[in-house]
């Protein structure tokens, strides 16, 4: 049993990209689906589909390689990181996306600033 599904999922995606896999299988959870929805909206993945207890994620590649150059978990189970909306900064000068868990749901840092809501800084992707 995995204690941190988000870290496990990001690691599985990172490992799949390093070996140029087209798809990767993740554990199904509402939080992971929310993160994947953001990744799909921002163009980092093509799609994902639910298959029972798992999610099959189709990774996106272009001529230069994978669209995802890096993923990093920020808030961890042992050390949580919370930010107010005034403290949220762009990732790589706007080239990346930060993902937050807020009282209004899982959203990007841009959306959190626009809605003036802070929360737990889950991860960032570039």
N, C-alpha and C. Protein backbone atom coordinates (compact mmCIF):
# COMPACT_ATOMS: atom_id res chain seq x y z
N UNK A 1 0.84 -1.19 0.00
CA UNK A 1 0.00 0.00 0.00
C UNK A 1 0.88 1.24 0.00
N UNK A 2 0.53 2.18 -0.82
CA UNK A 2 1.28 3.42 -0.96
C UNK A 2 0.73 4.44 0.04
N UNK A 3 1.64 5.12 0.75
CA UNK A 3 1.18 6.08 1.75
C UNK A 3 0.88 7.46 1.14
N UNK A 4 1.53 7.80 0.04
CA UNK A 4 1.32 9.10 -0.59
C UNK A 4 1.03 8.90 -2.08
N UNK A 5 -0.25 8.92 -2.43
CA UNK A 5 -0.66 8.65 -3.81
C UNK A 5 -0.15 9.69 -4.80
N UNK A 6 -0.08 10.94 -4.37
CA UNK A 6 0.36 12.00 -5.29
C UNK A 6 1.82 11.81 -5.65
N UNK A 7 2.68 11.58 -4.65
CA UNK A 7 4.10 11.35 -4.94
C UNK A 7 4.29 10.11 -5.79
N UNK A 8 3.55 9.05 -5.48
CA UNK A 8 3.64 7.82 -6.26
C UNK A 8 3.24 8.06 -7.71
N UNK A 9 2.16 8.80 -7.92
CA UNK A 9 1.68 9.07 -9.28
C UNK A 9 2.67 9.92 -10.06
N UNK A 10 3.21 10.96 -9.43
CA UNK A 10 4.18 11.82 -10.11
C UNK A 10 5.44 11.03 -10.46
N UNK A 11 5.86 10.14 -9.56
CA UNK A 11 7.04 9.31 -9.83
C UNK A 11 6.78 8.35 -10.98
N UNK A 12 5.59 7.75 -11.02
CA UNK A 12 5.26 6.84 -12.13
C UNK A 12 5.26 7.58 -13.46
N UNK A 13 4.71 8.80 -13.48
CA UNK A 13 4.70 9.59 -14.72
C UNK A 13 6.13 9.95 -15.12
N UNK A 14 6.93 10.40 -14.15
CA UNK A 14 8.32 10.77 -14.42
C UNK A 14 9.10 9.58 -14.98
N UNK A 15 8.94 8.40 -14.38
CA UNK A 15 9.66 7.21 -14.84
C UNK A 15 9.20 6.79 -16.24
N UNK A 16 7.90 6.90 -16.51
CA UNK A 16 7.38 6.54 -17.83
C UNK A 16 7.93 7.47 -18.91
N UNK A 17 8.06 8.75 -18.59
CA UNK A 17 8.61 9.71 -19.54
C UNK A 17 10.09 9.42 -19.82
N UNK A 18 10.83 9.05 -18.78
CA UNK A 18 12.26 8.78 -18.96
C UNK A 18 12.53 7.62 -19.90
N UNK A 19 11.59 6.66 -19.98
CA UNK A 19 11.77 5.51 -20.87
C UNK A 19 10.85 5.60 -22.10
N UNK A 20 10.28 6.78 -22.33
CA UNK A 20 9.46 7.07 -23.51
C UNK A 20 8.24 6.17 -23.67
N UNK A 21 7.59 5.84 -22.57
CA UNK A 21 6.34 5.08 -22.65
C UNK A 21 5.22 6.01 -23.10
N UNK A 22 4.28 5.48 -23.85
CA UNK A 22 3.13 6.26 -24.32
C UNK A 22 2.05 6.35 -23.25
N UNK A 23 1.94 5.31 -22.42
CA UNK A 23 0.92 5.28 -21.38
C UNK A 23 1.54 4.91 -20.04
N UNK A 24 0.84 5.25 -18.98
CA UNK A 24 1.26 4.88 -17.63
C UNK A 24 0.00 4.59 -16.82
N UNK A 25 0.10 3.64 -15.90
CA UNK A 25 -1.03 3.23 -15.07
C UNK A 25 -0.86 3.81 -13.67
N UNK A 26 -1.88 4.52 -13.19
CA UNK A 26 -1.87 5.13 -11.86
C UNK A 26 -3.02 4.58 -11.03
N UNK A 27 -2.89 4.70 -9.71
CA UNK A 27 -3.96 4.29 -8.81
C UNK A 27 -5.09 5.32 -8.91
N UNK A 28 -6.32 4.84 -8.96
CA UNK A 28 -7.49 5.71 -9.12
C UNK A 28 -7.86 6.36 -7.79
N UNK A 29 -7.92 7.67 -7.78
CA UNK A 29 -8.45 8.42 -6.63
C UNK A 29 -8.99 9.75 -7.14
N UNK A 30 -9.85 10.36 -6.37
CA UNK A 30 -10.46 11.63 -6.78
C UNK A 30 -9.40 12.72 -6.91
N UNK A 31 -8.44 12.76 -5.99
CA UNK A 31 -7.38 13.77 -6.03
C UNK A 31 -6.52 13.61 -7.29
N UNK A 32 -6.15 12.38 -7.62
CA UNK A 32 -5.33 12.13 -8.80
C UNK A 32 -6.10 12.51 -10.06
N UNK A 33 -7.39 12.19 -10.11
CA UNK A 33 -8.20 12.58 -11.27
C UNK A 33 -8.26 14.09 -11.41
N UNK A 34 -8.36 14.81 -10.30
CA UNK A 34 -8.38 16.28 -10.35
C UNK A 34 -7.07 16.83 -10.89
N UNK A 35 -5.95 16.26 -10.46
CA UNK A 35 -4.64 16.70 -10.95
C UNK A 35 -4.51 16.38 -12.43
N UNK A 36 -4.96 15.19 -12.84
CA UNK A 36 -4.89 14.81 -14.26
C UNK A 36 -5.78 15.70 -15.12
N UNK A 37 -6.93 16.13 -14.59
CA UNK A 37 -7.79 17.06 -15.34
C UNK A 37 -7.06 18.36 -15.63
N UNK A 38 -6.33 18.87 -14.63
CA UNK A 38 -5.55 20.09 -14.82
C UNK A 38 -4.44 19.86 -15.84
N UNK A 39 -3.75 18.72 -15.72
CA UNK A 39 -2.67 18.41 -16.66
C UNK A 39 -3.21 18.29 -18.09
N UNK A 40 -4.40 17.74 -18.24
CA UNK A 40 -5.02 17.62 -19.57
C UNK A 40 -5.40 19.00 -20.11
N UNK A 41 -6.01 19.84 -19.26
CA UNK A 41 -6.40 21.19 -19.68
C UNK A 41 -5.19 22.03 -20.10
N UNK A 42 -4.07 21.84 -19.44
CA UNK A 42 -2.87 22.63 -19.73
C UNK A 42 -2.00 22.00 -20.82
N UNK A 43 -2.41 20.84 -21.35
CA UNK A 43 -1.71 20.24 -22.48
C UNK A 43 -0.52 19.36 -22.12
N UNK A 44 -0.40 18.94 -20.88
CA UNK A 44 0.72 18.09 -20.49
C UNK A 44 0.47 16.61 -20.79
N UNK A 45 -0.81 16.19 -20.81
CA UNK A 45 -1.15 14.81 -21.17
C UNK A 45 -2.25 14.85 -22.24
N UNK A 46 -2.38 13.77 -22.99
CA UNK A 46 -3.43 13.69 -24.00
C UNK A 46 -4.77 13.39 -23.37
N UNK A 47 -4.83 12.33 -22.58
CA UNK A 47 -6.10 11.92 -21.97
C UNK A 47 -5.82 10.89 -20.89
N UNK A 48 -6.88 10.52 -20.18
CA UNK A 48 -6.80 9.40 -19.25
C UNK A 48 -8.16 8.73 -19.21
N UNK A 49 -8.16 7.46 -18.86
CA UNK A 49 -9.42 6.74 -18.74
C UNK A 49 -9.39 5.89 -17.48
N UNK A 50 -10.57 5.75 -16.87
CA UNK A 50 -10.72 4.98 -15.65
C UNK A 50 -10.91 3.52 -16.02
N UNK A 51 -10.10 2.65 -15.42
CA UNK A 51 -10.22 1.21 -15.62
C UNK A 51 -10.23 0.54 -14.26
N UNK A 52 -11.39 0.52 -13.63
CA UNK A 52 -11.52 -0.09 -12.30
C UNK A 52 -10.79 0.72 -11.25
N UNK A 53 -9.82 0.09 -10.59
CA UNK A 53 -9.05 0.75 -9.54
C UNK A 53 -7.85 1.51 -10.09
N UNK A 54 -7.72 1.57 -11.41
CA UNK A 54 -6.57 2.21 -12.01
C UNK A 54 -6.99 3.27 -13.03
N UNK A 55 -6.05 4.16 -13.32
CA UNK A 55 -6.22 5.17 -14.36
C UNK A 55 -5.15 4.93 -15.41
N UNK A 56 -5.53 4.86 -16.66
CA UNK A 56 -4.59 4.70 -17.76
C UNK A 56 -4.38 6.07 -18.39
N UNK A 57 -3.18 6.61 -18.24
CA UNK A 57 -2.86 7.97 -18.68
C UNK A 57 -2.08 7.91 -19.99
N UNK A 58 -2.54 8.64 -21.00
CA UNK A 58 -1.84 8.75 -22.28
C UNK A 58 -0.98 10.00 -22.25
N UNK A 59 0.33 9.81 -22.27
CA UNK A 59 1.27 10.92 -22.18
C UNK A 59 1.39 11.62 -23.53
N UNK A 60 1.67 12.91 -23.49
CA UNK A 60 1.77 13.71 -24.72
C UNK A 60 3.24 13.94 -25.08
N UNK A 61 3.55 13.70 -26.33
CA UNK A 61 4.89 13.93 -26.87
C UNK A 61 4.77 14.82 -28.10
N UNK A 62 5.82 15.58 -28.37
CA UNK A 62 5.90 16.31 -29.63
C UNK A 62 7.25 15.98 -30.29
N UNK A 63 7.63 16.70 -31.31
CA UNK A 63 8.87 16.39 -32.03
C UNK A 63 10.11 16.53 -31.15
N UNK A 64 10.04 17.41 -30.16
CA UNK A 64 11.19 17.65 -29.29
C UNK A 64 11.26 16.67 -28.12
N UNK A 65 10.19 15.93 -27.88
CA UNK A 65 10.17 14.99 -26.76
C UNK A 65 8.89 15.15 -25.95
N UNK A 66 8.93 14.75 -24.69
CA UNK A 66 7.73 14.81 -23.87
C UNK A 66 7.34 16.25 -23.54
N UNK A 67 6.04 16.50 -23.42
CA UNK A 67 5.56 17.84 -23.05
C UNK A 67 5.91 18.14 -21.59
N UNK A 68 5.97 17.10 -20.76
CA UNK A 68 6.33 17.27 -19.35
C UNK A 68 7.84 17.20 -19.24
N UNK A 69 8.44 18.30 -18.85
CA UNK A 69 9.90 18.34 -18.65
C UNK A 69 10.27 17.99 -17.22
N UNK A 70 9.37 18.28 -16.29
CA UNK A 70 9.64 17.98 -14.89
C UNK A 70 8.39 18.07 -14.05
N UNK A 71 8.38 17.29 -12.97
CA UNK A 71 7.28 17.30 -11.99
C UNK A 71 7.92 17.29 -10.61
N UNK A 72 7.37 18.03 -9.70
CA UNK A 72 7.92 18.01 -8.35
C UNK A 72 6.81 18.14 -7.32
N UNK A 73 6.88 17.30 -6.31
CA UNK A 73 5.94 17.34 -5.19
C UNK A 73 6.45 18.38 -4.22
N UNK A 74 5.61 19.28 -3.76
CA UNK A 74 6.03 20.34 -2.84
C UNK A 74 5.59 20.00 -1.42
N UNK A 75 4.30 19.88 -1.20
CA UNK A 75 3.77 19.55 0.12
C UNK A 75 3.79 18.04 0.29
N UNK A 76 4.47 17.57 1.32
CA UNK A 76 4.62 16.14 1.55
C UNK A 76 3.89 15.76 2.83
N UNK A 77 3.61 14.48 3.03
CA UNK A 77 2.88 14.08 4.24
C UNK A 77 3.56 14.51 5.54
N UNK A 78 4.89 14.53 5.57
CA UNK A 78 5.60 14.92 6.79
C UNK A 78 5.75 16.41 6.95
N UNK A 79 5.78 17.14 5.85
CA UNK A 79 5.96 18.59 5.87
C UNK A 79 4.98 19.21 4.88
N UNK A 80 3.86 19.65 5.38
CA UNK A 80 2.85 20.28 4.52
C UNK A 80 3.25 21.72 4.25
N UNK A 81 2.92 22.20 3.06
CA UNK A 81 3.23 23.58 2.69
C UNK A 81 1.94 24.26 2.25
N UNK A 82 1.57 25.30 2.97
CA UNK A 82 0.36 26.06 2.67
C UNK A 82 0.75 27.48 2.26
N UNK A 83 0.06 28.02 1.27
CA UNK A 83 0.31 29.38 0.82
C UNK A 83 -0.99 30.15 0.72
N UNK A 84 -0.94 31.42 1.10
CA UNK A 84 -2.05 32.32 0.84
C UNK A 84 -1.99 32.75 -0.61
N UNK A 85 -3.08 33.27 -1.13
CA UNK A 85 -3.10 33.62 -2.55
C UNK A 85 -2.10 34.72 -2.90
N UNK A 86 -1.74 35.56 -1.93
CA UNK A 86 -0.76 36.62 -2.20
C UNK A 86 0.66 36.07 -2.36
N UNK A 87 0.90 34.88 -1.83
CA UNK A 87 2.24 34.29 -1.87
C UNK A 87 2.46 33.36 -3.06
N UNK A 88 1.44 33.13 -3.88
CA UNK A 88 1.56 32.22 -5.02
C UNK A 88 2.27 32.92 -6.16
N UNK A 89 3.37 32.32 -6.61
CA UNK A 89 4.18 32.88 -7.69
C UNK A 89 4.10 31.99 -8.93
N UNK A 90 4.36 32.55 -10.12
CA UNK A 90 4.37 31.74 -11.35
C UNK A 90 5.50 30.71 -11.32
N UNK A 91 5.28 29.58 -11.98
CA UNK A 91 6.29 28.53 -12.09
C UNK A 91 7.06 28.74 -13.39
N UNK A 92 8.38 28.87 -13.29
CA UNK A 92 9.24 29.07 -14.47
C UNK A 92 8.71 30.19 -15.37
N UNK A 93 8.45 31.34 -14.76
CA UNK A 93 7.97 32.53 -15.49
C UNK A 93 6.74 32.26 -16.33
N UNK A 94 5.84 31.44 -15.80
CA UNK A 94 4.58 31.17 -16.49
C UNK A 94 4.62 29.97 -17.42
N UNK A 95 5.77 29.31 -17.57
CA UNK A 95 5.86 28.14 -18.45
C UNK A 95 5.36 26.88 -17.76
N UNK A 96 5.31 26.89 -16.45
CA UNK A 96 4.84 25.73 -15.70
C UNK A 96 3.52 26.01 -15.01
N UNK A 97 3.04 25.01 -14.29
CA UNK A 97 1.75 25.11 -13.60
C UNK A 97 1.93 24.63 -12.17
N UNK A 98 1.46 25.43 -11.22
CA UNK A 98 1.42 24.99 -9.83
C UNK A 98 0.01 24.49 -9.54
N UNK A 99 -0.09 23.46 -8.71
CA UNK A 99 -1.39 22.87 -8.39
C UNK A 99 -1.61 22.95 -6.89
N UNK A 100 -2.78 23.47 -6.51
CA UNK A 100 -3.14 23.67 -5.11
C UNK A 100 -4.43 22.94 -4.77
N UNK A 101 -4.51 22.49 -3.53
CA UNK A 101 -5.75 21.96 -2.99
C UNK A 101 -6.33 23.05 -2.09
N UNK A 102 -7.46 23.61 -2.48
CA UNK A 102 -8.06 24.73 -1.77
C UNK A 102 -9.43 24.32 -1.24
N UNK A 103 -10.04 25.15 -0.41
CA UNK A 103 -11.41 24.86 0.03
C UNK A 103 -12.41 24.82 -1.13
N UNK A 104 -12.04 25.42 -2.27
CA UNK A 104 -12.92 25.42 -3.45
C UNK A 104 -12.54 24.33 -4.44
N UNK A 105 -11.68 23.41 -4.04
CA UNK A 105 -11.29 22.29 -4.90
C UNK A 105 -9.85 22.38 -5.35
N UNK A 106 -9.42 21.40 -6.12
CA UNK A 106 -8.06 21.37 -6.66
C UNK A 106 -8.02 22.28 -7.88
N UNK A 107 -7.02 23.19 -7.91
CA UNK A 107 -6.93 24.15 -9.01
C UNK A 107 -5.50 24.61 -9.21
N UNK A 108 -5.27 25.29 -10.31
CA UNK A 108 -3.94 25.84 -10.59
C UNK A 108 -3.69 27.06 -9.71
N UNK A 109 -2.42 27.45 -9.63
CA UNK A 109 -2.07 28.65 -8.87
C UNK A 109 -2.71 29.90 -9.46
N UNK A 110 -2.79 29.97 -10.79
CA UNK A 110 -3.42 31.12 -11.45
C UNK A 110 -4.88 31.25 -11.03
N UNK A 111 -5.59 30.12 -11.02
CA UNK A 111 -7.01 30.14 -10.63
C UNK A 111 -7.16 30.52 -9.16
N UNK A 112 -6.26 30.03 -8.31
CA UNK A 112 -6.32 30.35 -6.88
C UNK A 112 -6.13 31.84 -6.65
N UNK A 113 -5.19 32.45 -7.37
CA UNK A 113 -4.97 33.90 -7.24
C UNK A 113 -6.18 34.66 -7.74
N UNK A 114 -6.74 34.23 -8.88
CA UNK A 114 -7.91 34.90 -9.45
C UNK A 114 -9.10 34.84 -8.50
N UNK A 115 -9.28 33.69 -7.82
CA UNK A 115 -10.40 33.52 -6.89
C UNK A 115 -10.06 34.00 -5.48
N UNK A 116 -8.81 34.46 -5.29
CA UNK A 116 -8.33 34.94 -3.99
C UNK A 116 -8.52 33.90 -2.90
N UNK A 117 -8.00 32.70 -3.16
CA UNK A 117 -8.08 31.62 -2.20
C UNK A 117 -6.72 30.92 -2.14
N UNK A 118 -6.25 30.63 -0.94
CA UNK A 118 -4.99 29.92 -0.76
C UNK A 118 -5.26 28.46 -0.46
N UNK A 119 -4.19 27.71 -0.23
CA UNK A 119 -4.37 26.30 0.09
C UNK A 119 -3.06 25.56 0.14
N UNK A 120 -3.16 24.24 0.11
CA UNK A 120 -1.98 23.38 0.18
C UNK A 120 -1.33 23.30 -1.21
N UNK A 121 -0.04 23.59 -1.26
CA UNK A 121 0.73 23.57 -2.50
C UNK A 121 1.12 22.12 -2.79
N UNK A 122 0.36 21.45 -3.65
CA UNK A 122 0.57 20.03 -3.90
C UNK A 122 1.82 19.76 -4.72
N UNK A 123 1.92 20.37 -5.91
CA UNK A 123 3.03 20.07 -6.81
C UNK A 123 3.12 21.13 -7.89
N UNK A 124 4.19 21.06 -8.68
CA UNK A 124 4.26 21.89 -9.88
C UNK A 124 4.80 21.06 -11.03
N UNK A 125 4.40 21.47 -12.24
CA UNK A 125 4.73 20.75 -13.47
C UNK A 125 5.23 21.78 -14.48
N UNK A 126 6.27 21.42 -15.21
CA UNK A 126 6.77 22.31 -16.25
C UNK A 126 7.25 21.50 -17.43
